[in-house]
Amino acid sequence: MSPAIELGEMRHGEEADEPAPAPARPPGRVARVVAVGCLALLTLAGAAPPARPPAGIRVAAPQGAVFLVLADRLVVADGPGTVGRGGRVVTGHRLPGGEPVWRFTLPAGDHVLGLGTVAGGLLVTSSPAGAGDTLSTLLDPVTGVVRWRQSGYPVSTASGGVLFETPRAAGTGTVLAVDPASGAVRWSLPLPSNGVAYRTDDRGPTQIVLVTPDGRVEVHDADSGALVHAGRVPPAADRVSYRFTQVVADLLLVDGAPGTVTAYGLDRLDRRWNVPVEPRAGVWFVECAGMVCIRDQVGGVRALDPATGRPGWVDDRWIGMAPVGGRLLGAQAGVGLELELSVLDPATGRALARLGRWRTVGVESGQLLGLRRLTGDRTLVGTLDVAAGEARVRAVLPGSWDECADSGTALVCLHPSGGLVIWRTDR
């Protein structure tokens, strides 16, 4: 683990045009709780931001639109914010010029939930009005031609495959795998009423874990669907469903005695440890770069040793936490959606560095960006390089922006009131 280092942070006044250096130190106690959707580890590199880019190219998009940058294509979907207002259109535009090249319309009554990629294709996830299964449609991103459709919510696997979950009442749902090239169903498994959990690596799910209310556990290979091994844990107290059926790292976590959670090793389903949990709702477990963290809606983090379940550290300051490589990113309340970020040592919870205030965007496009509000109604955009632990100034944009993505030759940003703008940029 690297020693503590000095990182940039905002000067007093919260809207300074550029960060000033400050010594690394643990941040203060949180004054209020806000939602966190951050995933970034950065230090701000460079001096004064560059001059603002030339006038951008406007692309029509409703308020709350979903968009994705794929090579030389910009894909825009009406998004869930347009439900009831015809939110079922997906369009493809050429980058960096923004020229429209294709248009795809969902069936009447459907609305777009999200955009993703599978096997080089564009995956549009949608939901029908009223009752009905989620639908996934794979399009050619260059032409907009439909390749295949499949019911269910998509989950991309570590090897590049795709699974579709279709949960239903009374445990009658399924999880199935399709051939990404053709959409043909390869295999399927019944879903218990508790749903499905996944064992994952850095690229995605590698195993499917199914737990029935009577305590039967099945672990299947995520590519072939083959049964790797099976075993039993104590049944759910009410024989209907567990409160916890989580997979964290290499452990299966399920209800133990009242007010406790028991950890079992996934490889042999051997009992490892037992830990008390708060009876209130909203408690959950997450992987914390080698530790097991307990979180809740109130805030704060309790870290456990995954081998023994013994307490590692407790810290009430963090309202958000995310593993980034071998470190943890902790977030405290900042200003609005801009959060005060710090790098933490997962084993001890010690703050290694103060990162300053950023709002992270661009996760869907695979290029993590940071936005910071500047004086004069401007926005500083930084490219966040997690591996290098730095942020490179990308541009200073006029106005305020909800979301941005980087194609390498252009920045694409969504205005809070609707409408996208493309700015040509040099890498």
Protein backbone atom coordinates (compact mmCIF):
# COMPACT_ATOMS: atom_id res chain seq x y z
CA MET A 1 0.00 0.00 0.00
CA SER A 2 1.35 3.42 -0.88
CA PRO A 3 2.22 5.85 1.89
CA ALA A 4 0.10 8.90 2.53
CA ILE A 5 0.48 11.54 -0.21
CA GLU A 6 -0.66 15.09 -0.76
CA LEU A 7 -3.62 15.63 -3.06
CA GLY A 8 -5.52 18.62 -4.37
CA GLU A 9 -8.71 19.90 -2.80
CA MET A 10 -11.00 22.88 -3.30
CA ARG A 11 -9.99 26.16 -1.66
CA HIS A 12 -12.23 27.73 0.93
CA GLY A 13 -15.27 29.11 -0.84
CA GLU A 14 -16.21 25.84 -2.61
CA GLU A 15 -16.24 27.26 -6.14
CA ALA A 16 -12.58 28.06 -6.75
CA ASP A 17 -11.54 27.68 -10.38
CA GLU A 18 -8.71 25.28 -9.61
CA PRO A 19 -7.68 23.15 -6.65
CA ALA A 20 -4.94 24.19 -4.25
CA PRO A 21 -2.61 21.66 -2.63
CA ALA A 22 -3.42 20.58 0.92
CA PRO A 23 -1.80 18.08 3.25
CA ALA A 24 -3.36 14.64 3.42
CA ARG A 25 -5.52 14.26 6.49
CA PRO A 26 -8.59 12.32 7.54
CA PRO A 27 -11.71 14.29 6.67
CA GLY A 28 -14.05 15.60 9.38
CA ARG A 29 -17.30 14.13 10.61
CA VAL A 30 -20.29 14.10 8.26
CA ALA A 31 -22.86 16.81 8.99
CA ARG A 32 -25.60 15.36 6.80
CA VAL A 33 -26.35 12.26 4.80
CA VAL A 34 -26.61 12.39 1.01
CA ALA A 35 -26.84 9.71 -1.66
CA VAL A 36 -23.57 8.57 -3.22
CA GLY A 37 -23.05 7.17 -6.69
CA CYS A 38 -19.29 7.67 -6.87
CA LEU A 39 -16.48 5.47 -8.06
CA ALA A 40 -13.21 7.43 -8.44
CA LEU A 41 -9.66 7.61 -7.10
CA LEU A 42 -7.82 10.68 -8.24
CA THR A 43 -5.41 13.49 -7.69
CA LEU A 44 -5.84 16.61 -9.76
CA ALA A 45 -2.90 17.04 -12.14
CA GLY A 46 -1.87 20.15 -14.02
CA ALA A 47 -2.16 23.85 -13.36
CA ALA A 48 -4.80 26.24 -14.68
CA PRO A 49 -7.59 24.64 -16.75
CA PRO A 50 -7.34 25.05 -20.52
CA ALA A 51 -9.40 27.56 -22.44
CA ARG A 52 -13.03 26.65 -23.01
CA PRO A 53 -13.69 24.60 -26.18
CA PRO A 54 -15.37 25.98 -29.28
CA ALA A 55 -19.15 26.04 -29.61
CA GLY A 56 -20.64 22.57 -29.39
CA ILE A 57 -22.95 20.64 -31.67
CA ARG A 58 -26.46 20.21 -30.29
CA VAL A 59 -28.34 16.89 -30.41
CA ALA A 60 -32.00 16.68 -29.42
CA ALA A 61 -32.67 14.70 -26.23
CA PRO A 62 -35.41 14.95 -23.59
CA GLN A 63 -34.74 15.75 -19.97
CA GLY A 64 -33.33 12.67 -18.22
CA ALA A 65 -32.31 10.98 -21.48
CA VAL A 66 -29.96 7.98 -21.45
CA PHE A 67 -26.97 8.04 -23.78
CA LEU A 68 -23.92 5.92 -24.58
CA VAL A 69 -20.72 6.53 -26.57
CA LEU A 70 -19.54 3.57 -28.68
CA ALA A 71 -16.45 4.16 -30.85
CA ASP A 72 -17.67 6.59 -33.54
CA ARG A 73 -21.33 6.43 -32.50
CA LEU A 74 -23.45 8.33 -30.01
CA VAL A 75 -26.60 6.45 -29.00
CA VAL A 76 -29.45 8.40 -27.38
CA ALA A 77 -32.52 6.87 -25.73
CA ASP A 78 -35.52 8.76 -24.38
CA GLY A 79 -34.98 7.16 -21.01
CA PRO A 80 -37.20 6.30 -18.03
CA GLY A 81 -37.85 9.99 -17.35
CA THR A 82 -40.14 10.10 -20.38
CA VAL A 83 -42.51 7.32 -19.28
CA GLY A 84 -46.01 8.24 -20.42
CA ARG A 85 -44.62 10.77 -22.87
CA GLY A 86 -43.60 8.48 -25.71
CA GLY A 87 -40.26 7.47 -24.18
CA ARG A 88 -39.54 4.64 -26.60
CA VAL A 89 -37.20 6.05 -29.24
CA VAL A 90 -33.49 5.20 -29.61
CA THR A 91 -31.33 7.06 -32.15
CA GLY A 92 -27.78 6.64 -33.42
CA HIS A 93 -25.58 9.62 -34.33
CA ARG A 94 -22.19 9.85 -35.97
CA LEU A 95 -19.29 11.24 -33.89
CA PRO A 96 -17.92 13.80 -33.67
CA GLY A 97 -20.36 15.59 -36.01
CA GLY A 98 -23.63 14.42 -34.42
CA GLU A 99 -25.33 13.54 -37.75
CA PRO A 100 -28.31 11.17 -37.26
CA VAL A 101 -27.77 7.79 -38.94
CA TRP A 102 -30.55 5.51 -37.65
CA ARG A 103 -33.70 5.44 -35.50
CA PHE A 104 -35.24 2.54 -33.56
CA THR A 105 -38.69 2.62 -31.95
CA LEU A 106 -39.89 0.23 -29.25
CA PRO A 107 -43.41 -1.25 -29.40
CA ALA A 108 -46.20 1.04 -28.23
CA GLY A 109 -46.40 1.20 -24.44
CA ASP A 110 -42.76 0.20 -23.83
CA HIS A 111 -40.16 2.58 -22.41
CA VAL A 112 -36.38 2.46 -22.28
CA LEU A 113 -34.71 1.44 -19.01
CA GLY A 114 -31.07 1.52 -20.07
CA LEU A 115 -28.36 0.97 -22.68
CA GLY A 116 -25.41 -1.42 -22.62
CA THR A 117 -23.12 -3.51 -24.80
CA VAL A 118 -22.83 -7.24 -25.46
CA ALA A 119 -20.48 -8.88 -27.98
CA GLY A 120 -19.99 -5.64 -29.87
CA GLY A 121 -23.74 -4.96 -30.07
CA LEU A 122 -25.93 -2.32 -28.45
CA LEU A 123 -28.29 -3.78 -25.83
CA VAL A 124 -31.47 -1.78 -25.22
CA THR A 125 -33.32 -2.79 -22.05
CA SER A 126 -36.98 -1.81 -21.91
CA SER A 127 -40.10 -2.36 -19.86
CA PRO A 128 -43.72 -2.59 -20.98
CA ALA A 129 -46.45 -0.42 -19.53
CA GLY A 130 -48.26 -2.29 -16.76
CA ALA A 131 -47.40 -5.95 -16.08
CA GLY A 132 -44.87 -7.80 -18.19
CA ASP A 133 -41.27 -8.97 -18.35
CA THR A 134 -38.31 -6.72 -19.02
CA LEU A 135 -37.26 -6.98 -22.68
CA SER A 136 -33.72 -6.78 -24.07
CA THR A 137 -33.09 -5.97 -27.74
CA LEU A 138 -29.65 -6.22 -29.35
CA LEU A 139 -29.05 -3.69 -32.14
CA ASP A 140 -26.20 -3.22 -34.60
CA PRO A 141 -24.67 0.05 -33.31
CA VAL A 142 -23.66 1.13 -36.83
CA THR A 143 -26.98 0.56 -38.60
CA GLY A 144 -29.58 0.19 -35.83
CA VAL A 145 -30.73 -3.14 -37.28
CA VAL A 146 -32.23 -5.58 -34.73
CA ARG A 147 -30.10 -8.68 -34.22
CA TRP A 148 -32.23 -10.46 -31.60
CA ARG A 149 -34.65 -9.98 -28.68
CA GLN A 150 -34.90 -11.79 -25.36
CA SER A 151 -37.12 -11.45 -22.28
CA GLY A 152 -35.41 -10.76 -19.00
CA TYR A 153 -32.99 -8.41 -17.27
CA PRO A 154 -29.45 -8.78 -18.72
CA VAL A 155 -26.33 -9.65 -16.72
CA SER A 156 -22.99 -9.77 -18.57
CA THR A 157 -20.63 -12.55 -17.42
CA ALA A 158 -16.87 -12.44 -16.89
CA SER A 159 -16.23 -14.34 -20.14
CA GLY A 160 -18.33 -12.02 -22.34
CA GLY A 161 -21.55 -14.05 -22.25
CA VAL A 162 -24.94 -12.77 -21.22
CA LEU A 163 -27.56 -14.08 -18.77
CA PHE A 164 -31.19 -13.00 -18.47
CA GLU A 165 -33.07 -13.00 -15.19
CA THR A 166 -36.87 -13.31 -15.23
CA PRO A 167 -38.04 -13.44 -11.60
CA ARG A 168 -41.64 -14.36 -10.91
CA ALA A 169 -43.81 -15.06 -7.89
CA ALA A 170 -43.63 -18.39 -6.05
CA GLY A 171 -40.19 -19.17 -7.44
CA THR A 172 -41.35 -19.84 -11.00
CA GLY A 173 -38.86 -17.49 -12.64
CA THR A 174 -35.77 -18.45 -14.65
CA VAL A 175 -32.21 -17.41 -15.35
CA LEU A 176 -31.04 -18.36 -18.83
CA ALA A 177 -28.03 -17.90 -21.05
CA VAL A 178 -28.10 -16.94 -24.73
CA ASP A 179 -25.56 -17.01 -27.53
CA PRO A 180 -24.51 -13.35 -27.81
CA ALA A 181 -24.10 -13.65 -31.58
CA SER A 182 -27.49 -15.17 -32.39
CA GLY A 183 -29.64 -14.74 -29.28
CA ALA A 184 -30.36 -18.49 -29.21
CA VAL A 185 -31.07 -19.87 -25.73
CA ARG A 186 -28.22 -22.12 -24.58
CA TRP A 187 -29.55 -23.27 -21.20
CA SER A 188 -31.83 -22.20 -18.35
CA LEU A 189 -32.23 -22.73 -14.61
CA PRO A 190 -35.25 -22.24 -12.34
CA LEU A 191 -35.03 -19.27 -9.97
CA PRO A 192 -35.98 -19.81 -6.31
CA SER A 193 -38.12 -17.21 -4.57
CA ASN A 194 -34.99 -15.61 -3.07
CA GLY A 195 -33.72 -14.88 -6.57
CA VAL A 196 -30.15 -15.30 -7.72
CA ALA A 197 -26.72 -14.25 -6.45
CA TYR A 198 -23.41 -14.25 -8.31
CA ARG A 199 -19.81 -15.02 -7.50
CA THR A 200 -17.77 -12.49 -9.45
CA ASP A 201 -14.24 -11.52 -10.38
CA ASP A 202 -12.98 -8.17 -11.70
CA ARG A 203 -14.79 -8.71 -15.04
CA GLY A 204 -18.15 -9.98 -13.85
CA PRO A 205 -20.02 -13.13 -12.68
CA THR A 206 -18.24 -16.48 -12.85
CA GLN A 207 -20.75 -18.58 -10.88
CA ILE A 208 -24.50 -18.56 -10.23
CA VAL A 209 -25.63 -19.22 -6.65
CA LEU A 210 -29.21 -20.38 -6.02
CA VAL A 211 -30.63 -20.82 -2.50
CA THR A 212 -34.09 -22.27 -1.89
CA PRO A 213 -36.12 -21.44 1.26
CA ASP A 214 -35.59 -24.99 2.59
CA GLY A 215 -31.81 -24.42 2.60
CA ARG A 216 -30.66 -26.20 -0.57
CA VAL A 217 -27.74 -24.39 -2.23
CA GLU A 218 -26.66 -24.92 -5.83
CA VAL A 219 -23.56 -23.34 -7.38
CA HIS A 220 -23.52 -23.35 -11.20
CA ASP A 221 -20.92 -22.31 -13.74
CA ALA A 222 -22.02 -19.00 -15.29
CA ASP A 223 -20.89 -20.01 -18.80
CA SER A 224 -22.14 -23.59 -19.13
CA GLY A 225 -24.84 -23.68 -16.46
CA ALA A 226 -23.28 -26.93 -15.18
CA LEU A 227 -23.72 -27.75 -11.49
CA VAL A 228 -20.37 -27.19 -9.76
CA HIS A 229 -21.51 -28.39 -6.36
CA ALA A 230 -24.55 -28.46 -4.07
CA GLY A 231 -25.16 -28.54 -0.34
CA ARG A 232 -27.39 -27.35 2.44
CA VAL A 233 -27.61 -24.51 4.95
CA PRO A 234 -30.26 -24.06 7.67
CA PRO A 235 -33.67 -23.25 6.16
CA ALA A 236 -35.25 -19.81 6.29
CA ALA A 237 -36.97 -19.22 9.62
CA ASP A 238 -40.38 -18.85 7.98
CA ARG A 239 -39.65 -21.41 5.21
CA VAL A 240 -40.64 -18.74 2.69
CA SER A 241 -37.59 -16.52 2.19
CA TYR A 242 -34.35 -15.44 3.82
CA ARG A 243 -33.65 -11.87 4.87
CA PHE A 244 -30.05 -12.26 3.60
CA THR A 245 -28.87 -14.36 0.66
CA GLN A 246 -25.77 -12.47 -0.43
CA VAL A 247 -22.53 -13.55 -2.06
CA VAL A 248 -19.61 -11.37 -0.98
CA ALA A 249 -16.13 -12.33 -2.16
CA ASP A 250 -15.97 -16.13 -1.70
CA LEU A 251 -18.65 -16.30 0.97
CA LEU A 252 -22.38 -17.03 1.01
CA LEU A 253 -24.14 -14.96 3.68
CA VAL A 254 -27.54 -16.16 4.93
CA ASP A 255 -29.69 -15.74 8.04
CA GLY A 256 -28.32 -17.41 11.15
CA ALA A 257 -29.89 -17.41 14.59
CA PRO A 258 -32.30 -14.49 15.15
CA GLY A 259 -30.43 -11.21 14.72
CA THR A 260 -27.36 -12.80 13.13
CA VAL A 261 -25.90 -13.62 9.71
CA THR A 262 -23.78 -16.73 9.05
CA ALA A 263 -21.00 -16.95 6.46
CA TYR A 264 -20.33 -20.15 4.50
CA GLY A 265 -17.45 -20.84 2.14
CA LEU A 266 -18.79 -21.15 -1.40
CA ASP A 267 -16.42 -23.93 -2.41
CA ARG A 268 -17.50 -26.43 0.28
CA LEU A 269 -20.42 -24.62 1.98
CA ASP A 270 -18.55 -24.99 5.26
CA ARG A 271 -19.65 -22.73 8.11
CA ARG A 272 -17.04 -19.99 8.67
CA TRP A 273 -18.42 -17.44 11.16
CA ASN A 274 -21.46 -15.74 12.61
CA VAL A 275 -21.99 -11.98 13.13
CA PRO A 276 -24.80 -9.97 14.76
CA VAL A 277 -26.72 -7.52 12.58
CA GLU A 278 -29.02 -4.65 13.45
CA PRO A 279 -32.72 -5.61 13.30
CA ARG A 280 -33.63 -2.45 11.41
CA ALA A 281 -34.20 -2.58 7.66
CA GLY A 282 -31.64 -1.35 5.17
CA VAL A 283 -28.58 -3.31 6.35
CA TRP A 284 -26.47 -5.00 3.69
CA PHE A 285 -23.00 -6.47 3.10
CA VAL A 286 -20.52 -5.38 0.41
CA GLU A 287 -17.05 -6.42 -0.73
CA CYS A 288 -14.44 -3.87 0.36
CA ALA A 289 -11.20 -4.68 -1.50
CA GLY A 290 -10.48 -7.82 0.50
CA MET A 291 -12.65 -7.03 3.54
CA VAL A 292 -16.37 -7.61 4.14
CA CYS A 293 -18.16 -4.36 4.97
CA ILE A 294 -21.52 -3.91 6.68
CA ARG A 295 -23.44 -0.85 5.52
CA ASP A 296 -26.82 0.65 6.31
CA GLN A 297 -28.98 3.55 5.24
CA VAL A 298 -27.92 5.69 8.19
CA GLY A 299 -24.27 5.79 7.10
CA GLY A 300 -20.98 4.53 8.44
CA VAL A 301 -19.03 1.35 7.73
CA ARG A 302 -18.12 -1.72 9.79
CA ALA A 303 -15.37 -3.87 8.23
CA LEU A 304 -14.88 -7.58 9.01
CA ASP A 305 -12.04 -9.99 8.34
CA PRO A 306 -13.52 -12.35 5.68
CA ALA A 307 -11.61 -15.35 7.05
CA THR A 308 -12.78 -15.07 10.66
CA GLY A 309 -15.58 -12.49 10.78
CA ARG A 310 -13.68 -10.59 13.48
CA PRO A 311 -14.13 -6.80 13.49
CA GLY A 312 -11.47 -4.97 11.52
CA TRP A 313 -12.46 -1.34 11.88
CA VAL A 314 -15.49 0.90 12.28
CA ASP A 315 -15.92 4.42 10.93
CA ASP A 316 -19.12 6.47 10.98
CA ARG A 317 -17.82 9.23 8.71
CA TRP A 318 -18.43 7.57 5.34
CA ILE A 319 -21.77 7.86 3.58
CA GLY A 320 -20.46 5.96 0.55
CA MET A 321 -17.81 3.32 -0.03
CA ALA A 322 -16.49 1.58 -3.15
CA PRO A 323 -13.52 -0.71 -3.87
CA VAL A 324 -11.13 0.62 -6.54
CA GLY A 325 -8.37 -1.86 -7.28
CA GLY A 326 -6.70 -2.67 -3.99
CA ARG A 327 -7.99 0.42 -2.19
CA LEU A 328 -11.26 1.84 -0.94
CA LEU A 329 -12.85 5.11 -1.95
CA GLY A 330 -14.71 6.76 0.93
CA ALA A 331 -17.16 9.62 0.39
CA GLN A 332 -18.39 12.28 2.76
CA ALA A 333 -21.04 14.91 2.18
CA GLY A 334 -19.81 17.80 0.08
CA VAL A 335 -21.84 20.34 -1.85
CA GLY A 336 -24.88 18.93 -3.64
CA LEU A 337 -23.79 15.93 -5.72
CA GLU A 338 -20.10 16.83 -5.39
CA LEU A 339 -18.69 14.67 -2.61
CA GLU A 340 -15.53 14.89 -0.52
CA LEU A 341 -13.49 11.80 -1.47
CA SER A 342 -10.65 10.05 0.36
CA VAL A 343 -8.52 6.99 -0.35
CA LEU A 344 -8.60 4.39 2.44
CA ASP A 345 -6.52 1.38 3.42
CA PRO A 346 -9.02 -1.55 3.33
CA ALA A 347 -7.27 -3.44 6.13
CA THR A 348 -7.29 -0.60 8.67
CA GLY A 349 -9.76 2.01 7.33
CA ARG A 350 -7.01 4.62 7.65
CA ALA A 351 -7.31 7.58 5.29
CA LEU A 352 -4.27 7.55 3.00
CA ALA A 353 -5.11 10.69 1.06
CA ARG A 354 -7.65 13.48 0.78
CA LEU A 355 -8.96 13.72 -2.79
CA GLY A 356 -11.09 16.87 -2.69
CA ARG A 357 -14.58 17.44 -4.05
CA TRP A 358 -15.84 15.77 -7.27
CA ARG A 359 -18.99 14.39 -8.87
CA THR A 360 -18.26 11.29 -10.93
CA VAL A 361 -19.94 10.55 -14.26
CA GLY A 362 -19.32 8.52 -17.42
CA VAL A 363 -19.40 5.07 -15.82
CA GLU A 364 -21.83 3.70 -18.45
CA SER A 365 -19.42 4.65 -21.25
CA GLY A 366 -16.45 3.04 -19.52
CA GLN A 367 -14.49 6.31 -19.17
CA LEU A 368 -14.75 7.69 -15.66
CA LEU A 369 -14.95 11.47 -15.58
CA GLY A 370 -15.16 13.98 -12.76
CA LEU A 371 -17.22 17.18 -12.81
CA ARG A 372 -16.65 20.19 -10.60
CA ARG A 373 -18.62 23.42 -10.62
CA LEU A 374 -16.56 26.56 -11.25
CA THR A 375 -17.38 30.23 -10.87
CA GLY A 376 -18.98 32.00 -13.81
CA ASP A 377 -21.39 29.12 -14.58
CA ARG A 378 -18.69 26.78 -15.86
CA THR A 379 -17.83 23.11 -15.30
CA LEU A 380 -14.36 21.60 -14.97
CA VAL A 381 -14.17 18.13 -16.57
CA GLY A 382 -11.37 15.80 -15.53
CA THR A 383 -10.41 12.37 -16.85
CA LEU A 384 -10.12 10.15 -13.77
CA ASP A 385 -7.31 7.62 -14.06
CA VAL A 386 -7.85 5.25 -11.17
CA ALA A 387 -4.74 3.13 -11.83
CA ALA A 388 -2.44 6.18 -11.91
CA GLY A 389 -4.26 7.91 -9.06
CA GLU A 390 -4.68 11.19 -10.87
CA ALA A 391 -7.10 13.36 -12.81
CA ARG A 392 -6.07 15.00 -16.07
CA VAL A 393 -7.90 18.19 -16.96
CA ARG A 394 -10.03 17.44 -20.02
CA ALA A 395 -11.94 20.66 -20.63
CA VAL A 396 -13.77 23.60 -19.11
CA LEU A 397 -17.35 23.70 -20.37
CA PRO A 398 -19.82 26.58 -20.22
CA GLY A 399 -22.89 25.84 -18.11
CA SER A 400 -23.87 22.99 -15.79
CA TRP A 401 -24.23 19.34 -16.84
CA ASP A 402 -25.94 16.23 -15.51
CA GLU A 403 -23.83 13.57 -17.24
CA CYS A 404 -20.85 13.43 -19.60
CA ALA A 405 -19.06 10.78 -21.68
CA ASP A 406 -15.74 10.86 -23.55
CA SER A 407 -15.24 9.32 -27.00
CA GLY A 408 -11.59 10.32 -27.24
CA THR A 409 -12.28 12.89 -29.97
CA ALA A 410 -15.36 14.45 -28.38
CA LEU A 411 -17.03 15.15 -25.07
CA VAL A 412 -20.78 14.52 -24.95
CA CYS A 413 -22.78 16.06 -22.10
CA LEU A 414 -26.47 16.18 -21.11
CA HIS A 415 -27.98 19.47 -19.94
CA PRO A 416 -30.22 19.29 -16.84
CA SER A 417 -33.16 20.71 -18.82
CA GLY A 418 -32.62 18.31 -21.74
CA GLY A 419 -30.51 18.35 -24.88
CA LEU A 420 -27.04 16.95 -25.57
CA VAL A 421 -24.01 18.90 -26.72
CA ILE A 422 -20.95 17.44 -28.48
CA TRP A 423 -17.64 19.27 -28.17
CA ARG A 424 -14.76 18.27 -30.44
CA THR A 425 -11.64 17.78 -28.37
CA ASP A 426 -8.11 16.43 -28.73
CA ARG A 427 -6.95 13.60 -26.50
